[in-house]
Amino acid sequence: MIVTFTANPSLDRTVALPGPLERGEVQRAVSVSQESGGKGVNVSRALVASGLESVAVLPGADSDPVLAGLRESAVPFVSLPIGEPLRTNVALTEPGGVTTKINEPGPLLDENQQEALIKLLLESSRGASWVVMAGSLPPGFPADFYATAAQRLRSSADGAAPRIAVDSSGQPLAAALTGGAAGMPDLLKPNAEELAELAAAAGFAPATADELEADPAAAAAAAAAVVRTGVGAVLATLGSKGAVLVTAEGAWLATHPPVAAVSTVGAGDSALAGYLLAHGQGAAPADCLRQAVAHGAAAASLPGSTVPAVHQTTPDAVTITALRKD
């Protein structure tokens, strides 16, 4: 079983435009769709779509539209009522897949609610193979919340502790590496911009996201610098350029033939789900990367925040190249 933890879930509304976004003008949408979202929620949705057992842990009243959407999609979840509605995020998609996102901050949760969420996560994670902690943190949360949660997951585990994956950005992502050995993730899933920030903090020569996307060897070297801090593995998604995976044992690049991009919303979350799906089947690291890129490409070809099932992916089309780590 894979447990996902989304501290700041959302109702994701996607508005498809007939042409490029025109600031200050009136435009009519081609279509509007909505899904229960937030990074961890998206991972659970993708896993369940492929027949895997996953439970989403999140805040929210039982009647909240986000939880109602999960119920309609048959995605198992456990939730903490918080007395406030969850946020709504809006994505504007243009032909060709260019996406503009407007994300609300989310409800304010006090210290007692934060503690209750961690306890709910601990209870729900007994026997889990992976715990995915993903997305932004709501207002009022300490930046090191994920590191603290990882420490407590490992200290409270009866027997083998679950592996821990973190997919966030900004301070919560950087602080996920400050919890010492007990709080260090087994897997990080940054994009190119996040990888550049993490690598710079790890002492790697400064590089921009564009430079890392254009040079897979540089992306692998940046990810290797992060792995040397104690992270088990880094799965760095590079948009249409594919993804790199770096562990202590090796580094690989995976690329997929171009797809007709419809919406990039949730593509990175689907990539993480693909990696976990393959890992659960005992696949080698390079093949976990292969399925990650196949999932991400499939997600980009689907409308809104739709996530693909494994039968909609094309892992045989993915090319794997071994890279140097330094």
Protein backbone atom coordinates (compact mmCIF):
# COMPACT_ATOMS: atom_id res chain seq x y z
CA MET A 1 0.00 0.00 0.00
CA ILE A 2 1.15 3.52 -0.79
CA VAL A 3 -0.04 6.36 1.44
CA THR A 4 -0.04 9.92 0.19
CA PHE A 5 -0.15 12.96 2.45
CA THR A 6 -1.46 16.25 1.09
CA ALA A 7 -1.50 19.02 3.70
CA ASN A 8 -2.92 21.60 1.28
CA PRO A 9 -5.34 19.82 -1.08
CA SER A 10 -7.48 21.66 -3.57
CA LEU A 11 -10.35 21.51 -6.00
CA ASP A 12 -8.52 21.89 -9.31
CA ARG A 13 -10.51 23.68 -12.00
CA THR A 14 -9.06 23.64 -15.50
CA VAL A 15 -10.25 26.18 -18.07
CA ALA A 16 -9.29 25.35 -21.66
CA LEU A 17 -8.84 28.41 -23.89
CA PRO A 18 -9.28 28.40 -27.69
CA GLY A 19 -6.04 30.34 -28.21
CA PRO A 20 -3.23 32.07 -26.32
CA LEU A 21 -4.10 33.79 -23.04
CA GLU A 22 -4.79 37.47 -23.67
CA ARG A 23 -4.25 39.58 -20.56
CA GLY A 24 -6.93 42.20 -19.96
CA GLU A 25 -9.27 40.76 -22.59
CA VAL A 26 -12.50 38.76 -22.45
CA GLN A 27 -12.05 35.19 -23.65
CA ARG A 28 -14.56 32.36 -23.87
CA ALA A 29 -13.54 28.96 -22.60
CA VAL A 30 -13.70 25.89 -24.79
CA SER A 31 -14.32 23.65 -21.78
CA VAL A 32 -14.12 23.62 -17.99
CA SER A 33 -13.36 20.59 -15.84
CA GLN A 34 -12.56 19.97 -12.19
CA GLU A 35 -10.87 17.25 -10.18
CA SER A 36 -9.91 16.71 -6.57
CA GLY A 37 -6.26 17.72 -6.47
CA GLY A 38 -3.09 18.57 -4.66
CA LYS A 39 0.11 16.69 -5.44
CA GLY A 40 -0.39 13.77 -3.10
CA VAL A 41 -4.03 13.41 -4.08
CA ASN A 42 -2.99 13.28 -7.74
CA VAL A 43 -0.47 10.53 -6.99
CA SER A 44 -3.16 8.48 -5.25
CA ARG A 45 -5.57 9.03 -8.13
CA ALA A 46 -2.97 7.81 -10.63
CA LEU A 47 -2.08 4.76 -8.55
CA VAL A 48 -5.71 3.76 -8.03
CA ALA A 49 -6.36 4.23 -11.75
CA SER A 50 -3.68 1.57 -12.36
CA GLY A 51 -5.14 -0.85 -9.83
CA LEU A 52 -2.76 -0.19 -6.94
CA GLU A 53 -3.82 0.18 -3.33
CA SER A 54 -3.37 3.76 -2.16
CA VAL A 55 -4.85 5.89 0.60
CA ALA A 56 -4.86 9.68 0.55
CA VAL A 57 -4.46 11.44 3.90
CA LEU A 58 -5.62 15.05 3.93
CA PRO A 59 -7.54 17.70 5.88
CA GLY A 60 -11.13 18.59 5.01
CA ALA A 61 -14.73 18.13 6.06
CA ASP A 62 -16.50 15.03 4.80
CA SER A 63 -18.83 17.20 2.72
CA ASP A 64 -16.04 19.26 1.14
CA PRO A 65 -16.06 19.12 -2.69
CA VAL A 66 -12.48 17.80 -2.69
CA LEU A 67 -13.44 14.79 -0.57
CA ALA A 68 -16.68 14.34 -2.47
CA GLY A 69 -14.64 14.14 -5.67
CA LEU A 70 -12.37 11.47 -4.20
CA ARG A 71 -15.40 9.49 -3.14
CA GLU A 72 -16.88 9.70 -6.64
CA SER A 73 -13.55 8.56 -8.11
CA ALA A 74 -13.34 5.61 -5.69
CA VAL A 75 -10.04 6.86 -4.24
CA PRO A 76 -9.73 5.73 -0.61
CA PHE A 77 -8.97 8.53 1.86
CA VAL A 78 -8.88 9.45 5.52
CA SER A 79 -9.43 13.06 6.48
CA LEU A 80 -9.26 15.47 9.38
CA PRO A 81 -12.24 17.86 9.63
CA ILE A 82 -10.91 21.41 9.99
CA GLY A 83 -14.04 23.58 9.99
CA GLU A 84 -13.03 25.50 6.87
CA PRO A 85 -13.42 24.84 3.14
CA LEU A 86 -10.40 23.69 1.20
CA ARG A 87 -8.92 25.88 -1.50
CA THR A 88 -9.71 26.04 -5.22
CA ASN A 89 -6.92 26.29 -7.80
CA VAL A 90 -7.47 27.39 -11.38
CA ALA A 91 -5.39 26.34 -14.40
CA LEU A 92 -5.73 28.10 -17.76
CA THR A 93 -4.56 25.88 -20.61
CA GLU A 94 -3.77 27.09 -24.13
CA PRO A 95 -3.55 24.98 -27.28
CA GLY A 96 -0.19 23.21 -27.22
CA GLY A 97 -0.29 22.64 -23.48
CA VAL A 98 0.95 26.02 -22.18
CA THR A 99 -0.55 26.28 -18.70
CA THR A 100 -1.03 29.22 -16.35
CA LYS A 101 -1.89 28.28 -12.77
CA ILE A 102 -3.47 30.42 -10.05
CA ASN A 103 -3.22 28.72 -6.68
CA GLU A 104 -5.02 29.88 -3.54
CA PRO A 105 -3.05 29.78 -0.25
CA GLY A 106 -5.37 27.38 1.56
CA PRO A 107 -6.98 27.48 5.01
CA LEU A 108 -5.03 28.36 8.14
CA LEU A 109 -4.47 25.34 10.41
CA ASP A 110 -3.40 25.85 14.02
CA GLU A 111 -0.79 23.82 15.91
CA ASN A 112 -3.38 21.40 17.31
CA GLN A 113 -4.68 20.65 13.82
CA GLN A 114 -1.14 20.20 12.52
CA GLU A 115 -0.43 17.69 15.27
CA ALA A 116 -3.71 15.90 14.59
CA LEU A 117 -2.75 15.61 10.90
CA ILE A 118 0.59 14.02 11.76
CA LYS A 119 -1.13 11.54 14.09
CA LEU A 120 -3.61 10.69 11.35
CA LEU A 121 -0.71 10.11 8.96
CA LEU A 122 1.07 7.85 11.46
CA GLU A 123 -2.08 5.78 12.03
CA SER A 124 -2.82 5.48 8.32
CA SER A 125 0.75 4.50 7.36
CA ARG A 126 1.05 1.28 9.34
CA GLY A 127 2.19 -1.42 6.91
CA ALA A 128 2.65 1.01 4.01
CA SER A 129 5.51 0.45 1.57
CA TRP A 130 5.80 4.15 0.70
CA VAL A 131 4.57 7.42 2.17
CA VAL A 132 4.46 10.31 -0.30
CA MET A 133 4.42 13.78 1.26
CA ALA A 134 3.65 16.23 -1.47
CA GLY A 135 2.61 19.74 -2.34
CA SER A 136 2.69 23.12 -0.64
CA LEU A 137 2.02 23.66 3.04
CA PRO A 138 -0.98 25.68 4.26
CA PRO A 139 -0.48 29.02 5.99
CA GLY A 140 0.89 28.66 9.51
CA PHE A 141 2.79 25.41 8.94
CA PRO A 142 6.50 25.39 9.79
CA ALA A 143 8.74 24.96 6.76
CA ASP A 144 10.27 21.79 8.23
CA PHE A 145 6.91 20.03 8.62
CA TYR A 146 7.83 17.28 6.16
CA ALA A 147 11.16 16.59 7.90
CA THR A 148 9.38 16.39 11.25
CA ALA A 149 6.72 14.07 9.85
CA ALA A 150 9.41 11.82 8.32
CA GLN A 151 11.25 11.59 11.64
CA ARG A 152 8.08 10.60 13.46
CA LEU A 153 7.09 8.08 10.79
CA ARG A 154 10.39 6.29 11.24
CA SER A 155 10.50 6.52 15.02
CA SER A 156 6.96 5.18 15.41
CA ALA A 157 7.22 2.35 12.87
CA ASP A 158 6.62 -1.16 14.17
CA GLY A 159 9.14 -3.15 12.21
CA ALA A 160 10.21 -1.79 8.83
CA ALA A 161 9.46 1.88 8.30
CA PRO A 162 7.92 2.92 4.99
CA ARG A 163 10.07 4.56 2.37
CA ILE A 164 9.44 8.29 2.17
CA ALA A 165 9.10 10.40 -0.97
CA VAL A 166 8.83 14.19 -0.94
CA ASP A 167 7.58 16.35 -3.80
CA SER A 168 7.30 20.01 -2.87
CA SER A 169 8.88 23.36 -3.67
CA GLY A 170 10.45 26.41 -2.05
CA GLN A 171 11.14 26.36 1.67
CA PRO A 172 9.20 23.12 2.44
CA LEU A 173 11.33 21.27 -0.12
CA ALA A 174 14.63 22.72 1.11
CA ALA A 175 13.68 22.10 4.75
CA ALA A 176 12.86 18.45 3.96
CA LEU A 177 16.64 17.92 3.91
CA THR A 178 17.25 19.44 7.35
CA GLY A 179 15.91 16.63 9.53
CA GLY A 180 19.12 14.62 9.78
CA ALA A 181 19.34 10.96 8.84
CA ALA A 182 16.01 10.14 10.51
CA GLY A 183 14.17 12.72 8.42
CA MET A 184 15.95 12.36 5.08
CA PRO A 185 13.71 11.33 2.15
CA ASP A 186 14.33 8.10 0.28
CA LEU A 187 13.20 9.87 -2.88
CA LEU A 188 12.91 13.50 -3.96
CA LYS A 189 10.92 14.50 -7.06
CA PRO A 190 11.94 18.06 -8.07
CA ASN A 191 11.41 19.74 -11.40
CA ALA A 192 14.31 21.57 -13.07
CA GLU A 193 13.76 24.82 -11.17
CA GLU A 194 13.55 23.05 -7.82
CA LEU A 195 16.58 20.92 -8.64
CA ALA A 196 18.61 24.06 -9.38
CA GLU A 197 17.71 25.49 -5.97
CA LEU A 198 18.45 22.25 -4.11
CA ALA A 199 21.76 21.72 -5.89
CA ALA A 200 22.91 25.26 -5.17
CA ALA A 201 22.16 24.72 -1.49
CA ALA A 202 24.19 21.49 -1.66
CA GLY A 203 27.21 23.35 -3.02
CA PHE A 204 26.77 22.58 -6.72
CA ALA A 205 27.81 25.35 -9.11
CA PRO A 206 24.77 27.59 -9.72
CA ALA A 207 22.72 26.62 -12.75
CA THR A 208 19.37 27.78 -14.08
CA ALA A 209 16.40 25.56 -14.76
CA ASP A 210 16.81 26.19 -18.49
CA GLU A 211 20.45 25.08 -18.32
CA LEU A 212 19.56 21.87 -16.51
CA GLU A 213 16.76 21.06 -18.95
CA ALA A 214 19.09 21.66 -21.90
CA ASP A 215 21.95 19.57 -20.48
CA PRO A 216 20.96 16.21 -18.94
CA ALA A 217 24.56 15.65 -17.79
CA ALA A 218 24.41 18.87 -15.79
CA ALA A 219 21.03 17.83 -14.37
CA ALA A 220 22.49 14.48 -13.32
CA ALA A 221 25.47 16.19 -11.68
CA ALA A 222 23.14 18.56 -9.84
CA ALA A 223 21.00 15.66 -8.65
CA ALA A 224 24.14 13.78 -7.55
CA ALA A 225 25.08 16.76 -5.36
CA VAL A 226 21.69 16.42 -3.65
CA VAL A 227 22.10 12.65 -3.25
CA ARG A 228 25.41 13.25 -1.50
CA THR A 229 23.54 15.12 1.25
CA GLY A 230 21.94 11.81 2.23
CA VAL A 231 18.86 11.58 0.00
CA GLY A 232 18.29 8.07 -1.31
CA ALA A 233 17.43 9.05 -4.89
CA VAL A 234 16.47 12.09 -6.95
CA LEU A 235 13.92 11.80 -9.74
CA ALA A 236 14.14 15.14 -11.56
CA THR A 237 11.51 15.82 -14.20
CA LEU A 238 12.69 18.06 -17.05
CA GLY A 239 9.43 18.77 -18.87
CA SER A 240 9.45 17.74 -22.51
CA LYS A 241 13.15 16.82 -22.15
CA GLY A 242 12.29 13.76 -20.05
CA ALA A 243 13.70 13.04 -16.61
CA VAL A 244 16.87 11.97 -14.85
CA LEU A 245 17.18 9.56 -11.95
CA VAL A 246 20.25 9.60 -9.73
CA THR A 247 21.04 7.21 -6.89
CA ALA A 248 24.25 6.38 -5.08
CA GLU A 249 24.76 3.59 -7.62
CA GLY A 250 24.10 5.32 -10.93
CA ALA A 251 22.43 7.98 -13.06
CA TRP A 252 20.08 7.66 -16.03
CA LEU A 253 18.23 9.86 -18.50
CA ALA A 254 14.84 8.88 -19.92
CA THR A 255 13.23 10.53 -22.92
CA HIS A 256 9.89 9.96 -24.63
CA PRO A 257 9.00 10.85 -28.22
CA PRO A 258 7.10 14.15 -28.42
CA VAL A 259 3.40 13.99 -27.55
CA ALA A 260 0.60 16.38 -28.47
CA ALA A 261 0.49 18.23 -25.15
CA VAL A 262 -2.99 19.16 -23.96
CA SER A 263 -2.36 20.05 -20.30
CA THR A 264 0.73 19.74 -18.13
CA VAL A 265 -1.28 19.92 -14.89
CA GLY A 266 -0.40 16.87 -12.78
CA ALA A 267 2.19 15.48 -15.21
CA GLY A 268 4.92 15.51 -12.55
CA ASP A 269 2.59 13.84 -10.05
CA SER A 270 1.78 11.15 -12.60
CA ALA A 271 5.51 10.66 -13.19
CA LEU A 272 6.02 10.02 -9.48
CA ALA A 273 3.11 7.57 -9.50
CA GLY A 274 4.67 5.73 -12.45
CA TYR A 275 7.98 5.44 -10.61
CA LEU A 276 6.26 4.05 -7.49
CA LEU A 277 4.18 1.63 -9.56
CA ALA A 278 7.31 0.16 -11.16
CA HIS A 279 9.22 0.15 -7.86
CA GLY A 280 6.43 -1.83 -6.25
CA GLN A 281 6.79 -4.43 -8.99
CA GLY A 282 10.49 -4.84 -8.19
CA ALA A 283 11.75 -3.02 -11.27
CA ALA A 284 15.36 -1.86 -11.53
CA PRO A 285 15.99 1.88 -11.07
CA ALA A 286 16.27 2.57 -14.82
CA ASP A 287 12.95 0.83 -15.42
CA CYS A 288 11.30 2.78 -12.60
CA LEU A 289 12.49 5.89 -14.44
CA ARG A 290 11.14 4.48 -17.70
CA GLN A 291 7.64 4.12 -16.27
CA ALA A 292 7.86 7.54 -14.62
CA VAL A 293 8.49 9.25 -17.96
CA ALA A 294 5.83 7.14 -19.68
CA HIS A 295 3.29 8.22 -17.07
CA GLY A 296 4.30 11.87 -17.29
CA ALA A 297 4.04 11.91 -21.08
CA ALA A 298 0.63 10.25 -20.97
CA ALA A 299 -0.63 12.79 -18.44
CA ALA A 300 0.49 15.71 -20.62
CA SER A 301 -1.57 14.32 -23.50
CA LEU A 302 -4.77 14.25 -21.42
CA PRO A 303 -7.08 17.19 -20.67
CA GLY A 304 -7.16 19.12 -17.40
CA SER A 305 -5.70 17.28 -14.43
CA THR A 306 -6.71 13.86 -15.75
CA VAL A 307 -4.27 11.16 -14.65
CA PRO A 308 -3.44 8.14 -16.84
CA ALA A 309 -3.84 4.49 -16.01
CA VAL A 310 -0.87 2.26 -16.75
CA HIS A 311 -2.53 0.85 -19.90
CA GLN A 312 -2.57 4.39 -21.34
CA THR A 313 1.22 4.71 -21.04
CA THR A 314 3.90 3.67 -23.54
CA PRO A 315 7.02 2.65 -21.60
CA ASP A 316 8.40 0.79 -24.64
CA ALA A 317 8.70 4.18 -26.39
CA VAL A 318 11.00 5.53 -23.67
CA THR A 319 14.74 5.63 -24.34
CA ILE A 320 17.08 5.14 -21.36
CA THR A 321 20.64 6.46 -21.41
CA ALA A 322 23.19 5.90 -18.65
CA LEU A 323 24.87 9.11 -17.46
CA ARG A 324 27.86 10.08 -15.37
CA LYS A 325 26.98 11.40 -11.93
CA ASP A 326 29.79 13.95 -11.78
